Protein backbone atom coordinates (compact mmCIF):
# COMPACT_ATOMS: atom_id res chain seq x y z
CA MET A 1 -8.80 1.37 -28.41
CA ASN A 2 -5.57 2.25 -29.79
CA TYR A 3 -2.88 1.15 -27.33
CA LYS A 4 0.01 2.76 -29.51
CA SER A 5 -1.49 6.04 -28.50
CA LEU A 6 -0.28 5.28 -24.99
CA LEU A 7 3.55 5.14 -26.14
CA LEU A 8 4.33 8.74 -25.52
CA PHE A 9 2.68 9.09 -22.18
CA SER A 10 2.97 5.62 -21.02
CA THR A 11 4.87 5.13 -17.90
CA LEU A 12 5.28 5.88 -14.53
CA ILE A 13 7.81 6.62 -12.64
CA VAL A 14 8.28 7.19 -8.89
CA MET A 15 6.08 5.26 -6.65
CA TYR A 16 6.06 4.19 -3.27
CA LEU A 17 2.40 4.46 -2.87
CA SER A 18 -0.23 3.00 -0.78
CA CYS A 19 -2.11 0.05 -0.32
CA SER A 20 -4.30 -2.04 1.71
CA ASN A 21 -5.20 -5.20 3.46
CA THR A 22 -5.86 -7.78 1.12
CA SER A 23 -8.19 -9.99 3.26
CA THR A 24 -11.81 -9.90 2.88
CA SER A 25 -13.66 -7.79 5.60
CA SER A 26 -16.32 -9.64 7.66
CA LYS A 27 -18.47 -6.83 6.58
CA GLU A 28 -18.11 -7.79 2.80
CA THR A 29 -18.58 -11.52 3.93
CA SER A 30 -21.99 -10.60 5.69
CA LEU A 31 -23.10 -8.86 2.35
CA ILE A 32 -22.75 -11.80 0.35
CA THR A 33 -24.37 -14.01 2.96
CA LYS A 34 -27.51 -11.31 3.31
CA ASN A 35 -28.11 -11.69 -0.36
CA ASN A 36 -28.81 -15.66 0.28
CA ASN A 37 -28.31 -16.56 -3.47
CA ILE A 38 -25.49 -17.57 -5.80
CA PRO A 39 -24.02 -13.97 -7.22
CA TYR A 40 -23.29 -15.40 -10.43
CA THR A 41 -22.44 -18.87 -12.11
CA CYS A 42 -19.19 -19.65 -14.22
CA GLU A 43 -21.45 -22.10 -16.36
CA ASN A 44 -22.90 -21.35 -19.60
CA GLY A 45 -19.82 -19.69 -20.99
CA ARG A 46 -19.96 -16.70 -18.65
CA PHE A 47 -16.41 -15.35 -18.16
CA GLU A 48 -14.93 -18.01 -20.82
CA LYS A 49 -16.33 -15.97 -24.21
CA ASN A 50 -17.93 -12.79 -25.19
CA ILE A 51 -21.63 -13.60 -23.97
CA PHE A 52 -22.74 -9.94 -23.95
CA ASP A 53 -23.17 -8.21 -27.25
CA HIS A 54 -24.27 -4.91 -25.54
CA LEU A 55 -22.75 -3.06 -22.91
CA LYS A 56 -23.79 -0.06 -21.10
CA MET A 57 -21.33 2.81 -20.14
CA HIS A 58 -21.80 5.19 -17.16
CA ASP A 59 -19.29 8.03 -17.96
CA ASN A 60 -17.87 10.56 -15.37
CA VAL A 61 -19.21 8.68 -12.48
CA LYS A 62 -18.16 10.38 -9.40
CA TYR A 63 -16.20 8.16 -7.07
CA GLY A 64 -14.32 10.71 -4.58
CA ARG A 65 -13.23 13.93 -4.25
CA ASN A 66 -9.63 15.37 -3.07
CA THR A 67 -6.57 18.13 -3.52
CA THR A 68 -4.25 17.87 -6.22
CA MET A 69 -0.63 18.91 -6.09
CA GLN A 70 -1.69 22.44 -7.13
CA ASN A 71 -4.01 22.73 -4.26
CA LYS A 72 -7.05 22.45 -6.33
CA THR A 73 -9.91 20.25 -4.70
CA ILE A 74 -11.35 18.33 -7.72
CA ASP A 75 -13.89 15.37 -8.18
CA LEU A 76 -12.56 12.07 -8.99
CA LYS A 77 -14.29 10.50 -11.87
CA MET A 78 -14.55 7.07 -13.44
CA ASP A 79 -16.20 5.32 -16.53
CA ILE A 80 -18.09 2.27 -15.67
CA PHE A 81 -18.86 -0.84 -18.17
CA GLU A 82 -21.37 -3.33 -17.56
CA PRO A 83 -23.26 -5.80 -19.78
CA GLU A 84 -26.79 -4.91 -20.83
CA ASP A 85 -29.72 -7.23 -19.40
CA ASP A 86 -27.54 -8.98 -17.01
CA THR A 87 -29.70 -10.72 -14.57
CA ALA A 88 -26.99 -11.85 -12.16
CA SER A 89 -27.55 -10.52 -8.60
CA LEU A 90 -23.81 -10.09 -8.02
CA ARG A 91 -20.81 -9.53 -10.51
CA PRO A 92 -16.94 -9.43 -10.13
CA LEU A 93 -15.27 -6.07 -11.12
CA VAL A 94 -11.88 -4.88 -12.62
CA ILE A 95 -10.70 -1.49 -11.98
CA TRP A 96 -8.03 -0.13 -14.41
CA ALA A 97 -5.69 2.89 -14.08
CA HIS A 98 -3.82 4.37 -17.15
CA GLY A 99 -0.26 5.19 -17.41
CA GLY A 100 1.56 8.53 -18.34
CA TYR A 101 4.34 9.45 -15.88
CA PHE A 102 1.80 10.48 -13.24
CA CYS A 103 1.48 13.68 -15.63
CA PHE A 104 -0.45 12.60 -18.82
CA GLY A 105 -3.23 10.35 -19.81
CA ASP A 106 -6.88 9.78 -19.44
CA LYS A 107 -9.50 7.22 -18.47
CA SER A 108 -10.56 6.61 -22.05
CA ASP A 109 -7.05 5.06 -22.65
CA PHE A 110 -8.39 1.72 -21.06
CA HIS A 111 -12.01 1.66 -22.59
CA GLY A 112 -10.83 -1.10 -24.84
CA LEU A 113 -9.97 -3.36 -21.97
CA CYS A 114 -13.08 -2.33 -20.19
CA GLU A 115 -15.01 -3.71 -23.15
CA PHE A 116 -12.89 -6.85 -23.64
CA VAL A 117 -13.53 -8.08 -20.15
CA ALA A 118 -17.23 -6.89 -19.83
CA GLN A 119 -18.26 -8.54 -22.96
CA LYS A 120 -17.52 -11.89 -20.93
CA GLY A 121 -19.44 -10.92 -17.77
CA TRP A 122 -17.16 -8.53 -15.44
CA ILE A 123 -18.14 -5.28 -14.50
CA SER A 124 -15.19 -2.85 -15.37
CA ALA A 125 -14.21 0.56 -14.50
CA SER A 126 -11.38 3.19 -15.76
CA ILE A 127 -10.48 5.76 -13.43
CA ASP A 128 -8.90 9.27 -13.56
CA TYR A 129 -6.86 10.01 -10.71
CA ARG A 130 -4.70 13.16 -9.47
CA LYS A 131 -1.86 13.93 -11.66
CA TRP A 132 1.03 16.74 -11.86
CA ARG A 133 -0.34 19.53 -13.84
CA LYS A 134 2.47 22.18 -13.69
CA ARG A 135 4.00 23.43 -16.55
CA GLN A 136 7.47 22.38 -15.41
CA MET A 137 7.90 18.62 -14.42
CA PRO A 138 8.15 17.83 -10.94
CA ASP A 139 11.42 16.86 -8.94
CA GLN A 140 11.96 13.61 -7.18
CA LEU A 141 9.69 14.34 -3.95
CA GLU A 142 6.86 15.92 -6.04
CA TYR A 143 6.96 12.69 -7.97
CA MET A 144 6.51 10.65 -4.93
CA GLU A 145 3.74 12.59 -3.54
CA THR A 146 1.91 12.76 -6.80
CA ALA A 147 2.10 8.88 -6.97
CA ILE A 148 1.19 8.62 -3.38
CA ARG A 149 -1.80 10.76 -3.96
CA ALA A 150 -2.74 8.75 -7.06
CA THR A 151 -2.50 5.41 -5.51
CA HIS A 152 -4.74 6.87 -2.57
CA ASP A 153 -7.53 7.37 -5.36
CA MET A 154 -7.42 4.04 -6.57
CA HIS A 155 -7.94 3.02 -3.02
CA ALA A 156 -11.01 5.35 -3.02
CA ALA A 157 -12.31 3.85 -6.25
CA ILE A 158 -12.25 0.19 -4.63
CA ARG A 159 -14.16 1.83 -1.70
CA PHE A 160 -16.83 3.43 -3.79
CA PHE A 161 -17.86 0.01 -5.04
CA LYS A 162 -17.88 -1.23 -1.65
CA ALA A 163 -20.05 1.68 -0.34
CA ASP A 164 -22.48 1.09 -3.26
CA ALA A 165 -22.81 -2.36 -2.41
CA ALA A 166 -23.59 -1.67 1.12
CA GLY A 167 -25.95 1.07 0.17
CA GLU A 168 -27.94 1.56 -3.10
CA ASN A 169 -26.27 -1.31 -4.83
CA LEU A 170 -26.62 0.00 -8.36
CA TYR A 171 -23.90 -1.88 -9.85
CA ARG A 172 -24.36 -5.11 -7.97
CA ILE A 173 -20.81 -5.87 -7.30
CA ASP A 174 -19.38 -9.15 -5.49
CA THR A 175 -17.13 -7.03 -3.10
CA THR A 176 -14.98 -10.41 -2.55
CA LYS A 177 -13.95 -10.32 -6.26
CA ILE A 178 -12.59 -6.93 -6.93
CA PHE A 179 -9.32 -7.01 -9.04
CA VAL A 180 -7.27 -3.83 -9.91
CA GLY A 181 -4.93 -3.56 -12.92
CA GLY A 182 -3.04 -0.77 -14.81
CA TYR A 183 -0.39 0.16 -17.00
CA SER A 184 2.71 2.00 -16.15
CA ALA A 185 1.78 4.63 -13.88
CA GLY A 186 -1.49 2.89 -13.22
CA ALA A 187 0.34 -0.54 -12.59
CA ILE A 188 2.65 1.07 -10.17
CA MET A 189 -0.64 2.12 -8.23
CA ALA A 190 -1.83 -1.52 -8.65
CA ALA A 191 1.09 -2.92 -7.25
CA GLN A 192 1.21 -0.74 -4.20
CA VAL A 193 -2.32 -1.27 -3.45
CA ALA A 194 -1.49 -4.97 -3.46
CA TYR A 195 1.67 -4.94 -1.51
CA LEU A 196 2.13 -1.74 0.75
CA ASP A 197 0.26 -2.73 4.03
CA LEU A 198 2.37 -0.87 6.62
CA ILE A 199 3.72 2.33 7.03
CA LYS A 200 6.92 1.30 8.33
CA GLU A 201 7.65 -0.55 5.02
CA VAL A 202 9.01 2.49 3.50
CA PRO A 203 11.72 5.27 4.27
CA SER A 204 11.05 8.13 6.68
CA ASN A 205 10.49 10.78 3.92
CA ILE A 206 7.90 8.51 2.26
CA GLN A 207 6.36 7.84 5.54
CA SER A 208 6.05 11.65 6.18
CA ILE A 209 4.21 12.06 2.54
CA LEU A 210 1.81 9.50 3.54
CA LYS A 211 1.07 10.68 6.82
CA ARG A 212 0.20 14.07 5.67
CA ASN A 213 -1.91 12.49 2.71
CA GLY A 214 -4.26 10.21 4.97
CA GLY A 215 -1.83 7.20 5.63
CA ILE A 216 -1.75 4.10 3.59
CA THR A 217 -5.09 4.16 1.85
CA GLY A 218 -5.62 7.90 1.76
CA ASN A 219 -8.90 10.08 2.28
CA SER A 220 -10.19 10.36 -1.27
CA GLY A 221 -13.57 9.23 -0.08
CA HIS A 222 -15.56 6.21 1.65
CA ALA A 223 -13.14 5.81 4.35
CA GLN A 224 -15.57 3.75 6.48
CA HIS A 225 -14.84 0.69 4.07
CA SER A 226 -11.82 -1.40 3.33
CA SER A 227 -9.86 -1.53 -0.32
CA SER A 228 -8.91 -5.06 0.15
CA ILE A 229 -8.59 -6.61 -3.41
CA ALA A 230 -8.89 -9.99 -5.02
CA GLY A 231 -5.96 -9.73 -7.52
CA SER A 232 -3.72 -7.28 -9.16
CA ILE A 233 -2.74 -7.14 -12.59
CA VAL A 234 0.47 -5.15 -13.17
CA ILE A 235 1.59 -4.07 -16.91
CA ALA A 236 5.13 -2.38 -16.89
CA GLY A 237 4.80 -1.65 -13.28
CA ALA A 238 6.85 -2.03 -10.16
CA VAL A 239 6.94 -2.13 -6.13
CA TYR A 240 8.90 0.34 -4.44
CA ASP A 241 11.03 -2.26 -2.38
CA LYS A 242 10.64 -6.38 -2.82
CA ASN A 243 10.77 -6.50 0.92
CA MET A 244 7.01 -5.11 0.87
CA ILE A 245 6.08 -8.61 -0.13
CA THR A 246 6.01 -10.74 2.86
CA GLU A 247 4.52 -14.05 4.24
CA GLY A 248 0.82 -13.77 4.76
CA ALA A 249 -2.20 -12.75 2.84
CA HIS A 250 -1.43 -11.00 -0.49
CA PRO A 251 -3.68 -11.28 -3.46
CA PRO A 252 -3.08 -13.22 -6.64
CA PHE A 253 -0.60 -11.50 -8.94
CA LEU A 254 -0.17 -11.13 -12.79
CA GLY A 255 2.82 -9.17 -14.09
CA ILE A 256 3.40 -8.37 -18.00
CA GLN A 257 6.37 -6.61 -18.94
CA GLY A 258 8.96 -6.37 -21.74
CA THR A 259 12.51 -7.63 -20.33
CA GLN A 260 14.17 -4.32 -21.83
CA ASP A 261 11.73 -1.98 -20.46
CA GLU A 262 13.54 1.36 -20.53
CA ILE A 263 11.07 3.43 -18.18
CA VAL A 264 10.20 0.77 -15.20
CA PRO A 265 12.90 -1.49 -14.42
CA TYR A 266 12.00 -5.27 -15.26
CA ARG A 267 14.09 -6.36 -12.42
CA ARG A 268 15.66 -4.28 -9.77
CA GLY A 269 16.65 -0.70 -11.19
CA TRP A 270 15.75 3.10 -11.91
CA ALA A 271 12.70 4.53 -13.04
CA HIS A 272 12.95 7.27 -15.57
CA SER A 273 11.18 10.39 -16.12
CA PRO A 274 10.03 11.60 -19.44
CA MET A 275 13.20 13.41 -19.81
CA GLY A 276 15.18 10.22 -18.93
CA THR A 277 16.41 11.30 -15.80
CA GLN A 278 16.57 8.80 -13.03
CA VAL A 279 13.83 9.08 -10.34
CA ILE A 280 13.79 6.24 -8.15
CA GLU A 281 14.97 2.41 -7.78
CA LEU A 282 12.24 -0.10 -7.96
CA ASP A 283 11.44 -3.74 -7.94
CA GLY A 284 9.86 -4.66 -11.48
CA THR A 285 7.53 -7.62 -12.23
CA ALA A 286 10.11 -10.25 -12.49
CA VAL A 287 11.27 -9.50 -8.88
CA ILE A 288 7.57 -9.45 -7.62
CA ASN A 289 7.07 -12.79 -9.31
CA GLN A 290 10.07 -14.34 -7.94
CA ILE A 291 9.18 -13.44 -4.26
CA ASN A 292 5.81 -14.43 -4.53
CA LYS A 293 6.88 -17.67 -5.84
CA ASP A 294 9.47 -18.03 -3.15
CA LEU A 295 6.68 -17.41 -0.75
CA GLY A 296 4.20 -19.59 -2.21
CA HIS A 297 1.82 -16.49 -3.09
CA PRO A 298 -0.12 -17.34 -6.65
CA SER A 299 1.67 -15.25 -9.00
CA THR A 300 2.22 -15.32 -12.83
CA LEU A 301 4.52 -13.40 -15.05
CA LEU A 302 4.21 -12.94 -18.76
CA SER A 303 7.84 -11.64 -19.94
CA LEU A 304 8.03 -9.88 -23.45
CA PRO A 305 11.36 -10.98 -24.63
CA ARG A 306 13.48 -7.90 -25.78
CA GLY A 307 10.14 -5.81 -25.34
CA ASP A 308 10.40 -2.19 -24.29
CA HIS A 309 7.93 -0.18 -22.01
CA ASN A 310 5.26 -0.41 -24.51
CA ALA A 311 5.65 -4.02 -25.49
CA ALA A 312 2.26 -5.41 -24.01
CA TRP A 313 0.32 -3.29 -26.75
CA GLU A 314 2.58 -3.94 -29.59
CA GLU A 315 1.13 -6.03 -32.46
CA LEU A 316 3.37 -8.90 -31.72
CA TRP A 317 1.98 -9.05 -28.03
CA VAL A 318 -1.12 -7.49 -27.63
CA GLU A 319 -3.20 -10.55 -28.09
CA ARG A 320 -0.99 -12.46 -25.74
CA THR A 321 -1.40 -9.78 -23.24
CA LYS A 322 -5.00 -10.05 -23.33
CA GLN A 323 -5.19 -13.93 -23.29
CA TYR A 324 -3.22 -13.83 -20.03
CA ILE A 325 -5.41 -10.87 -18.47
CA HIS A 326 -8.48 -12.91 -19.64
CA LYS A 327 -6.99 -16.48 -17.96
CA PHE A 328 -6.05 -14.64 -14.70
CA LEU A 329 -9.43 -13.08 -14.19
CA LEU A 330 -11.20 -16.57 -15.17
CA GLU A 331 -9.08 -18.43 -12.69
CA ASN A 332 -9.50 -16.01 -9.86
CA THR A 333 -13.08 -15.52 -10.30
CA CYS A 334 -14.08 -19.21 -10.65
CA GLN A 335 -11.83 -20.83 -8.47
């Protein structure tokens, strides 16, 4: 995958978006118990190195359905990568969302990282989500609603795999080990999924947008299942407000960001649109990591000195980015 192709479209803006409870539901626990076997082993090199030479891709898998900002109802689709000839009864999962200001980009942008983790033993999926598709760029409120709807779609993607595990079990997912990650807009989505638990955590105007779009976790599909996660990977992303991060159960966090990100703030600051205009103030990965550390939550930050918004994919840093992602998934899968 050519990560530099993301440079033009990479980023996000705006956000507030939804999220979900991060604890494992009793239904999910009973699913693991019901199988009465070890879902996978962290021995014999699985997860530590590439042990699968051949992968199987399921393209354009429908995971939900909902209405766009242009009042068009669409199917929501993802591409799923799994190792061929994998005999594990259950496998951990990583769900990725691409960047692009909530306006551009495609699920194929993350095929490279899907392959990177799938070769080591994770199942991996790259999702498309609802984006702004009008000729003119959205205003601030339109950005907020577009971002909220996109985040709802990530919730639906998580629930899709939990619904499958409770039914046909085609993908054999360990529902207690589902991770979400993304870059730019996709990272903003992953951060809100990790930290936005209560509707009162956002201002009244955002509360109104959430309420008319299905609340915290949305209505893009499989509402009977939770969208709890085991960890979030936020690459050049942010949360609406650091006060969303509170004591209690929050999943492990990995942040990766350039310290001079001009699109999404590394600390507290304004996110910018493709035209360079200010959209909304956000708290970036440095703030998220510090609050997590203060509260005793598991948290790691890879700061890229003097790096811009695209720094994680530049030649200087891309291998380090992948190393941190691998280490984070390995530690939180095999703990």
